[in-house]
Amino acid sequence: LHNFLKQFPWLLDPRIMSFRDEVTFSKLLREKYPEDDLTIDDRRIDFLCQRFANSVFIIELKRPKSRLSDKELDQALDYVAFIEEHLGNENGTKVCCYLIGERLVNDKSVEIKARSYSEYGSVYVKTYSELLANAKSYHNEFIDKYEELKTK
């Protein structure tokens, strides 16, 4: 699924202007601070994207059947904090993460945490079903026109 979304990133968000696949923390830091000796936990971000000048977002994909828990929510928030802290929050750049999986685990505290992160604007939970519905919605006019022409 990762490779499919890499080939068709517009399914994640049709407004993506730049798209980087599987970028590591160390690579991002070396680009910004080439002369510095950096010691960090070298984690990998699935996709790092930019929509417009003041909006950077991370897409963290989990397996299609995975249920999202505290661990995944906190990982997504850590990614947001890392990008804001190390790559700068210049000119009001907004940084957020879209965490994608099957659904949240059935736990009230996890639901509250997810809602809190979303309301703050840092982490948004999306399901693969939502991605599919959004893709259909983005292209509904095209699909309708195709169906109309196909019946003629």
N, C-alpha and C. Protein backbone atom coordinates (compact mmCIF):
# COMPACT_ATOMS: atom_id res chain seq x y z
N LEU A 1 0.83 -1.20 0.00
CA LEU A 1 0.00 0.00 0.00
C LEU A 1 0.87 1.26 0.00
N HIS A 2 2.00 1.19 0.71
CA HIS A 2 2.91 2.33 0.76
C HIS A 2 3.34 2.72 -0.67
N ASN A 3 3.76 1.73 -1.44
CA ASN A 3 4.21 2.01 -2.81
C ASN A 3 3.08 2.54 -3.69
N PHE A 4 1.87 2.04 -3.48
CA PHE A 4 0.72 2.54 -4.23
C PHE A 4 0.50 4.02 -3.92
N LEU A 5 0.53 4.37 -2.63
CA LEU A 5 0.31 5.77 -2.25
C LEU A 5 1.48 6.66 -2.69
N LYS A 6 2.67 6.08 -2.77
CA LYS A 6 3.81 6.83 -3.29
C LYS A 6 3.59 7.17 -4.76
N GLN A 7 2.99 6.25 -5.49
CA GLN A 7 2.72 6.47 -6.91
C GLN A 7 1.54 7.41 -7.13
N PHE A 8 0.56 7.39 -6.22
CA PHE A 8 -0.64 8.21 -6.35
C PHE A 8 -0.85 9.05 -5.09
N PRO A 9 0.06 9.98 -4.79
CA PRO A 9 -0.04 10.74 -3.53
C PRO A 9 -1.28 11.62 -3.46
N TRP A 10 -1.89 11.94 -4.58
CA TRP A 10 -3.09 12.77 -4.56
C TRP A 10 -4.22 12.10 -3.79
N LEU A 11 -4.17 10.76 -3.62
CA LEU A 11 -5.18 10.09 -2.81
C LEU A 11 -5.11 10.55 -1.35
N LEU A 12 -3.91 10.89 -0.90
CA LEU A 12 -3.73 11.37 0.47
C LEU A 12 -4.22 12.80 0.59
N ASP A 13 -3.89 13.62 -0.38
CA ASP A 13 -4.34 15.01 -0.39
C ASP A 13 -4.05 15.57 -1.78
N PRO A 14 -5.08 16.00 -2.50
CA PRO A 14 -4.86 16.46 -3.88
C PRO A 14 -4.10 17.78 -3.97
N ARG A 15 -3.88 18.45 -2.84
CA ARG A 15 -3.20 19.75 -2.85
C ARG A 15 -1.72 19.65 -2.55
N ILE A 16 -1.17 18.45 -2.52
CA ILE A 16 0.25 18.28 -2.20
C ILE A 16 1.11 18.96 -3.27
N MET A 17 2.02 19.82 -2.81
CA MET A 17 2.94 20.51 -3.72
C MET A 17 4.29 19.80 -3.78
N SER A 18 4.80 19.35 -2.63
CA SER A 18 6.03 18.57 -2.62
C SER A 18 5.81 17.34 -1.77
N PHE A 19 6.52 16.28 -2.11
CA PHE A 19 6.25 14.98 -1.52
C PHE A 19 7.56 14.23 -1.40
N ARG A 20 7.92 13.87 -0.16
CA ARG A 20 9.16 13.12 0.07
C ARG A 20 8.82 11.82 0.77
N ASP A 21 9.37 10.75 0.26
CA ASP A 21 9.08 9.40 0.72
C ASP A 21 10.16 8.89 1.66
N GLU A 22 9.74 8.28 2.77
CA GLU A 22 10.61 7.60 3.72
C GLU A 22 11.87 8.40 4.04
N VAL A 23 11.67 9.58 4.53
CA VAL A 23 12.79 10.44 4.91
C VAL A 23 13.12 10.21 6.38
N THR A 24 14.41 10.15 6.69
CA THR A 24 14.81 9.92 8.08
C THR A 24 15.12 11.24 8.77
N PHE A 25 15.05 11.21 10.09
CA PHE A 25 15.36 12.40 10.88
C PHE A 25 16.76 12.91 10.54
N SER A 26 17.75 11.99 10.47
CA SER A 26 19.13 12.42 10.24
C SER A 26 19.29 13.09 8.88
N LYS A 27 18.61 12.58 7.87
CA LYS A 27 18.71 13.19 6.54
C LYS A 27 18.13 14.61 6.56
N LEU A 28 16.98 14.79 7.22
CA LEU A 28 16.39 16.11 7.31
C LEU A 28 17.33 17.09 8.02
N LEU A 29 17.94 16.63 9.10
CA LEU A 29 18.83 17.50 9.86
C LEU A 29 20.11 17.81 9.09
N ARG A 30 20.66 16.82 8.38
CA ARG A 30 21.88 17.08 7.60
C ARG A 30 21.62 18.12 6.51
N GLU A 31 20.40 18.12 5.95
CA GLU A 31 20.07 19.12 4.93
C GLU A 31 20.03 20.52 5.52
N LYS A 32 19.53 20.64 6.75
CA LYS A 32 19.40 21.96 7.37
C LYS A 32 20.68 22.39 8.09
N TYR A 33 21.38 21.44 8.71
CA TYR A 33 22.58 21.73 9.49
C TYR A 33 23.74 20.86 9.00
N PRO A 34 24.26 21.10 7.80
CA PRO A 34 25.27 20.20 7.23
C PRO A 34 26.59 20.15 8.01
N GLU A 35 26.93 21.20 8.73
CA GLU A 35 28.21 21.26 9.43
C GLU A 35 28.14 20.70 10.85
N ASP A 36 26.95 20.53 11.39
CA ASP A 36 26.80 20.13 12.79
C ASP A 36 26.97 18.62 12.97
N ASP A 37 27.49 18.25 14.13
CA ASP A 37 27.58 16.84 14.51
C ASP A 37 26.30 16.52 15.28
N LEU A 38 25.43 15.77 14.67
CA LEU A 38 24.10 15.53 15.23
C LEU A 38 23.97 14.12 15.77
N THR A 39 23.45 14.01 16.95
CA THR A 39 23.15 12.69 17.51
C THR A 39 21.67 12.64 17.82
N ILE A 40 20.97 11.78 17.11
CA ILE A 40 19.53 11.66 17.28
C ILE A 40 19.11 10.21 17.10
N ASP A 41 17.92 9.91 17.56
CA ASP A 41 17.29 8.63 17.28
C ASP A 41 16.80 8.71 15.83
N ASP A 42 17.37 7.93 14.93
CA ASP A 42 17.10 8.07 13.50
C ASP A 42 15.84 7.33 13.08
N ARG A 43 14.71 7.97 13.29
CA ARG A 43 13.43 7.38 12.93
C ARG A 43 13.06 7.76 11.51
N ARG A 44 12.10 7.02 10.94
CA ARG A 44 11.71 7.21 9.55
C ARG A 44 10.28 7.69 9.45
N ILE A 45 10.09 8.79 8.73
CA ILE A 45 8.76 9.33 8.45
C ILE A 45 8.31 8.74 7.12
N ASP A 46 7.07 8.22 7.06
CA ASP A 46 6.59 7.62 5.81
C ASP A 46 6.58 8.64 4.67
N PHE A 47 5.85 9.74 4.85
CA PHE A 47 5.79 10.78 3.82
C PHE A 47 5.86 12.15 4.50
N LEU A 48 6.67 13.04 3.95
CA LEU A 48 6.73 14.42 4.40
C LEU A 48 6.29 15.27 3.22
N CYS A 49 5.25 16.06 3.42
CA CYS A 49 4.62 16.77 2.31
C CYS A 49 4.48 18.26 2.62
N GLN A 50 4.32 19.02 1.57
CA GLN A 50 4.02 20.44 1.72
C GLN A 50 2.87 20.78 0.79
N ARG A 51 1.88 21.48 1.34
CA ARG A 51 0.73 21.90 0.54
C ARG A 51 0.97 23.27 -0.05
N PHE A 52 1.32 24.22 0.77
CA PHE A 52 1.63 25.56 0.32
C PHE A 52 2.65 26.11 1.30
N ALA A 53 3.07 27.34 1.10
CA ALA A 53 4.22 27.88 1.82
C ALA A 53 4.18 27.71 3.33
N ASN A 54 3.02 27.71 3.93
CA ASN A 54 3.00 27.64 5.40
C ASN A 54 2.30 26.39 5.93
N SER A 55 2.39 25.29 5.21
CA SER A 55 1.74 24.08 5.67
C SER A 55 2.57 22.85 5.31
N VAL A 56 3.19 22.25 6.34
CA VAL A 56 3.96 21.02 6.17
C VAL A 56 3.22 19.93 6.91
N PHE A 57 3.09 18.77 6.29
CA PHE A 57 2.44 17.69 7.01
C PHE A 57 3.12 16.36 6.78
N ILE A 58 2.97 15.55 7.79
CA ILE A 58 3.56 14.22 7.82
C ILE A 58 2.42 13.24 7.61
N ILE A 59 2.68 12.20 6.86
CA ILE A 59 1.70 11.13 6.72
C ILE A 59 2.35 9.87 7.27
N GLU A 60 1.74 9.33 8.30
CA GLU A 60 2.24 8.12 8.94
C GLU A 60 1.24 7.00 8.65
N LEU A 61 1.66 6.04 7.84
CA LEU A 61 0.80 4.94 7.44
C LEU A 61 1.02 3.74 8.35
N LYS A 62 -0.06 3.17 8.81
CA LYS A 62 -0.02 1.91 9.53
C LYS A 62 -0.68 0.86 8.65
N ARG A 63 -0.53 -0.37 8.99
CA ARG A 63 -1.12 -1.45 8.18
C ARG A 63 -2.63 -1.26 8.09
N PRO A 64 -3.22 -1.64 6.95
CA PRO A 64 -4.66 -1.41 6.75
C PRO A 64 -5.57 -2.00 7.84
N LYS A 65 -5.16 -3.07 8.49
CA LYS A 65 -6.00 -3.67 9.53
C LYS A 65 -5.58 -3.24 10.94
N SER A 66 -4.61 -2.33 11.03
CA SER A 66 -4.11 -1.97 12.36
C SER A 66 -5.05 -1.00 13.07
N ARG A 67 -5.19 -1.23 14.35
CA ARG A 67 -5.98 -0.34 15.21
C ARG A 67 -5.00 0.59 15.89
N LEU A 68 -5.32 1.86 15.91
CA LEU A 68 -4.42 2.88 16.41
C LEU A 68 -4.62 3.09 17.91
N SER A 69 -3.51 3.13 18.65
CA SER A 69 -3.56 3.25 20.10
C SER A 69 -2.73 4.46 20.54
N ASP A 70 -2.51 4.55 21.86
CA ASP A 70 -1.66 5.60 22.43
C ASP A 70 -0.30 5.63 21.76
N LYS A 71 0.28 4.47 21.54
CA LYS A 71 1.62 4.37 20.97
C LYS A 71 1.70 5.08 19.62
N GLU A 72 0.77 4.81 18.73
CA GLU A 72 0.77 5.41 17.40
C GLU A 72 0.47 6.91 17.46
N LEU A 73 -0.47 7.29 18.33
CA LEU A 73 -0.78 8.72 18.49
C LEU A 73 0.43 9.49 19.00
N ASP A 74 1.11 8.93 19.99
CA ASP A 74 2.28 9.61 20.55
C ASP A 74 3.44 9.66 19.57
N GLN A 75 3.60 8.61 18.76
CA GLN A 75 4.64 8.62 17.73
C GLN A 75 4.37 9.76 16.73
N ALA A 76 3.12 9.89 16.31
CA ALA A 76 2.76 10.95 15.37
C ALA A 76 3.03 12.33 15.97
N LEU A 77 2.69 12.51 17.24
CA LEU A 77 2.95 13.79 17.91
C LEU A 77 4.45 14.04 18.03
N ASP A 78 5.23 13.00 18.30
CA ASP A 78 6.69 13.15 18.35
C ASP A 78 7.24 13.62 17.01
N TYR A 79 6.71 13.10 15.91
CA TYR A 79 7.16 13.53 14.59
C TYR A 79 6.86 15.02 14.39
N VAL A 80 5.67 15.45 14.77
CA VAL A 80 5.30 16.86 14.63
C VAL A 80 6.25 17.73 15.45
N ALA A 81 6.50 17.34 16.69
CA ALA A 81 7.39 18.11 17.57
C ALA A 81 8.80 18.17 16.99
N PHE A 82 9.27 17.05 16.44
CA PHE A 82 10.61 17.02 15.85
C PHE A 82 10.71 18.01 14.69
N ILE A 83 9.76 17.96 13.78
CA ILE A 83 9.79 18.85 12.61
C ILE A 83 9.73 20.31 13.07
N GLU A 84 8.83 20.62 13.99
CA GLU A 84 8.73 22.00 14.48
C GLU A 84 10.02 22.45 15.15
N GLU A 85 10.61 21.60 15.98
CA GLU A 85 11.79 21.99 16.74
C GLU A 85 13.05 22.09 15.89
N HIS A 86 13.28 21.10 15.05
CA HIS A 86 14.55 21.03 14.33
C HIS A 86 14.55 21.67 12.95
N LEU A 87 13.43 21.65 12.30
CA LEU A 87 13.40 22.21 10.95
C LEU A 87 12.78 23.59 10.94
N GLY A 88 12.41 24.04 12.10
CA GLY A 88 11.93 25.41 12.23
C GLY A 88 10.46 25.55 11.96
N ASN A 89 9.93 26.48 12.62
CA ASN A 89 8.53 26.86 12.44
C ASN A 89 8.56 28.28 11.89
N GLU A 90 9.29 28.41 10.78
CA GLU A 90 9.53 29.72 10.18
C GLU A 90 8.27 30.26 9.51
N ASN A 91 8.10 31.57 9.61
CA ASN A 91 7.00 32.27 8.93
C ASN A 91 5.64 31.64 9.22
N GLY A 92 5.45 31.17 10.44
CA GLY A 92 4.14 30.62 10.80
C GLY A 92 3.84 29.28 10.18
N THR A 93 4.86 28.52 9.81
CA THR A 93 4.64 27.22 9.20
C THR A 93 3.83 26.33 10.13
N LYS A 94 2.76 25.77 9.61
CA LYS A 94 1.93 24.85 10.37
C LYS A 94 2.41 23.44 10.08
N VAL A 95 2.62 22.67 11.13
CA VAL A 95 3.07 21.28 10.99
C VAL A 95 2.02 20.39 11.64
N CYS A 96 1.60 19.37 10.93
CA CYS A 96 0.66 18.40 11.50
C CYS A 96 0.96 17.02 10.92
N CYS A 97 0.32 16.02 11.48
CA CYS A 97 0.52 14.65 11.03
C CYS A 97 -0.83 14.00 10.79
N TYR A 98 -0.95 13.29 9.68
CA TYR A 98 -2.11 12.45 9.41
C TYR A 98 -1.71 11.02 9.71
N LEU A 99 -2.36 10.44 10.69
CA LEU A 99 -2.10 9.06 11.11
C LEU A 99 -3.19 8.19 10.49
N ILE A 100 -2.78 7.22 9.68
CA ILE A 100 -3.74 6.44 8.91
C ILE A 100 -3.67 4.97 9.28
N GLY A 101 -4.82 4.41 9.62
CA GLY A 101 -4.95 3.01 9.98
C GLY A 101 -6.39 2.57 9.80
N GLU A 102 -6.74 1.41 10.35
CA GLU A 102 -8.12 0.94 10.21
C GLU A 102 -9.07 1.76 11.06
N ARG A 103 -8.71 1.93 12.33
CA ARG A 103 -9.53 2.72 13.25
C ARG A 103 -8.81 2.81 14.59
N LEU A 104 -9.33 3.62 15.48
CA LEU A 104 -8.79 3.69 16.83
C LEU A 104 -9.18 2.45 17.61
N VAL A 105 -8.35 2.07 18.59
CA VAL A 105 -8.74 0.98 19.48
C VAL A 105 -9.97 1.43 20.26
N ASN A 106 -10.71 0.49 20.77
CA ASN A 106 -11.92 0.81 21.52
C ASN A 106 -11.55 1.11 22.97
N ASP A 107 -11.08 2.33 23.20
CA ASP A 107 -10.63 2.75 24.52
C ASP A 107 -10.94 4.24 24.65
N LYS A 108 -11.70 4.60 25.66
CA LYS A 108 -12.14 5.99 25.80
C LYS A 108 -10.98 6.96 25.93
N SER A 109 -9.92 6.59 26.67
CA SER A 109 -8.79 7.52 26.83
C SER A 109 -8.08 7.75 25.50
N VAL A 110 -8.00 6.73 24.66
CA VAL A 110 -7.38 6.88 23.34
C VAL A 110 -8.25 7.78 22.46
N GLU A 111 -9.56 7.60 22.53
CA GLU A 111 -10.48 8.46 21.77
C GLU A 111 -10.35 9.91 22.20
N ILE A 112 -10.24 10.15 23.50
CA ILE A 112 -10.10 11.52 24.01
C ILE A 112 -8.77 12.12 23.56
N LYS A 113 -7.70 11.33 23.63
CA LYS A 113 -6.39 11.81 23.19
C LYS A 113 -6.42 12.17 21.71
N ALA A 114 -7.00 11.30 20.89
CA ALA A 114 -7.07 11.57 19.45
C ALA A 114 -7.87 12.84 19.17
N ARG A 115 -8.98 13.00 19.86
CA ARG A 115 -9.80 14.20 19.68
C ARG A 115 -9.03 15.45 20.12
N SER A 116 -8.32 15.35 21.24
CA SER A 116 -7.53 16.47 21.75
C SER A 116 -6.43 16.87 20.76
N TYR A 117 -5.70 15.90 20.24
CA TYR A 117 -4.64 16.18 19.27
C TYR A 117 -5.23 16.83 18.01
N SER A 118 -6.37 16.33 17.59
CA SER A 118 -7.03 16.88 16.40
C SER A 118 -7.50 18.31 16.63
N GLU A 119 -8.12 18.56 17.77
CA GLU A 119 -8.60 19.91 18.07
C GLU A 119 -7.45 20.90 18.19
N TYR A 120 -6.31 20.45 18.67
CA TYR A 120 -5.12 21.29 18.76
C TYR A 120 -4.50 21.52 17.38
N GLY A 121 -4.79 20.63 16.44
CA GLY A 121 -4.27 20.77 15.08
C GLY A 121 -2.94 20.09 14.85
N SER A 122 -2.59 19.12 15.70
CA SER A 122 -1.29 18.48 15.55
C SER A 122 -1.36 17.11 14.90
N VAL A 123 -2.34 16.28 15.27
CA VAL A 123 -2.45 14.92 14.73
C VAL A 123 -3.90 14.65 14.36
N TYR A 124 -4.10 14.19 13.14
CA TYR A 124 -5.43 13.84 12.66
C TYR A 124 -5.46 12.36 12.32
N VAL A 125 -6.42 11.64 12.85
CA VAL A 125 -6.57 10.22 12.55
C VAL A 125 -7.48 10.07 11.35
N LYS A 126 -7.02 9.31 10.37
CA LYS A 126 -7.80 9.02 9.17
C LYS A 126 -7.83 7.51 8.98
N THR A 127 -8.90 7.03 8.39
CA THR A 127 -8.99 5.61 8.08
C THR A 127 -8.81 5.41 6.57
N TYR A 128 -8.47 4.20 6.20
CA TYR A 128 -8.35 3.89 4.78
C TYR A 128 -9.70 4.04 4.08
N SER A 129 -10.78 3.76 4.78
CA SER A 129 -12.12 3.96 4.21
C SER A 129 -12.36 5.42 3.89
N GLU A 130 -11.90 6.30 4.78
CA GLU A 130 -12.04 7.75 4.53
C GLU A 130 -11.22 8.17 3.31
N LEU A 131 -10.01 7.62 3.18
CA LEU A 131 -9.19 7.95 2.02
C LEU A 131 -9.90 7.55 0.72
N LEU A 132 -10.48 6.36 0.72
CA LEU A 132 -11.20 5.90 -0.46
C LEU A 132 -12.39 6.81 -0.77
N ALA A 133 -13.16 7.14 0.26
CA ALA A 133 -14.32 8.02 0.07
C ALA A 133 -13.88 9.39 -0.44
N ASN A 134 -12.77 9.92 0.11
CA ASN A 134 -12.27 11.22 -0.34
C ASN A 134 -11.82 11.17 -1.79
N ALA A 135 -11.12 10.09 -2.16
CA ALA A 135 -10.66 9.96 -3.55
C ALA A 135 -11.85 9.94 -4.50
N LYS A 136 -12.89 9.20 -4.13
CA LYS A 136 -14.09 9.16 -4.97
C LYS A 136 -14.75 10.54 -5.03
N SER A 137 -14.79 11.22 -3.92
CA SER A 137 -15.41 12.55 -3.86
C SER A 137 -14.63 13.56 -4.70
N TYR A 138 -13.27 13.52 -4.63
CA TYR A 138 -12.45 14.45 -5.40
C TYR A 138 -12.70 14.29 -6.89
N HIS A 139 -12.98 13.07 -7.30
CA HIS A 139 -13.08 12.77 -8.72
C HIS A 139 -14.48 12.35 -9.15
N ASN A 140 -15.46 12.67 -8.34
CA ASN A 140 -16.84 12.27 -8.61
C ASN A 140 -17.35 12.82 -9.94
N GLU A 141 -17.04 14.06 -10.25
CA GLU A 141 -17.50 14.67 -11.49
C GLU A 141 -16.92 13.91 -12.69
N PHE A 142 -15.64 13.56 -12.60
CA PHE A 142 -15.01 12.80 -13.67
C PHE A 142 -15.66 11.42 -13.81
N ILE A 143 -15.90 10.74 -12.70
CA ILE A 143 -16.52 9.42 -12.70
C ILE A 143 -17.92 9.49 -13.30
N ASP A 144 -18.70 10.49 -12.89
CA ASP A 144 -20.05 10.66 -13.42
C ASP A 144 -20.03 10.89 -14.93
N LYS A 145 -19.12 11.75 -15.38
CA LYS A 145 -19.03 12.04 -16.81
C LYS A 145 -18.62 10.78 -17.58
N TYR A 146 -17.69 10.02 -17.04
CA TYR A 146 -17.27 8.79 -17.67
C TYR A 146 -18.44 7.82 -17.80
N GLU A 147 -19.21 7.65 -16.73
CA GLU A 147 -20.37 6.75 -16.76
C GLU A 147 -21.40 7.22 -17.79
N GLU A 148 -21.59 8.54 -17.87
CA GLU A 148 -22.53 9.11 -18.84
C GLU A 148 -22.07 8.80 -20.27
N LEU A 149 -20.81 9.01 -20.54
CA LEU A 149 -20.28 8.77 -21.88
C LEU A 149 -20.26 7.28 -22.22
N LYS A 150 -20.04 6.44 -21.23
CA LYS A 150 -19.97 5.00 -21.44
C LYS A 150 -21.33 4.45 -21.89
N THR A 151 -22.41 5.04 -21.43
CA THR A 151 -23.75 4.55 -21.78
C THR A 151 -24.24 5.06 -23.14
N LYS A 152 -23.52 6.00 -23.73
CA LYS A 152 -23.95 6.55 -25.04
C LYS A 152 -23.48 5.69 -26.16
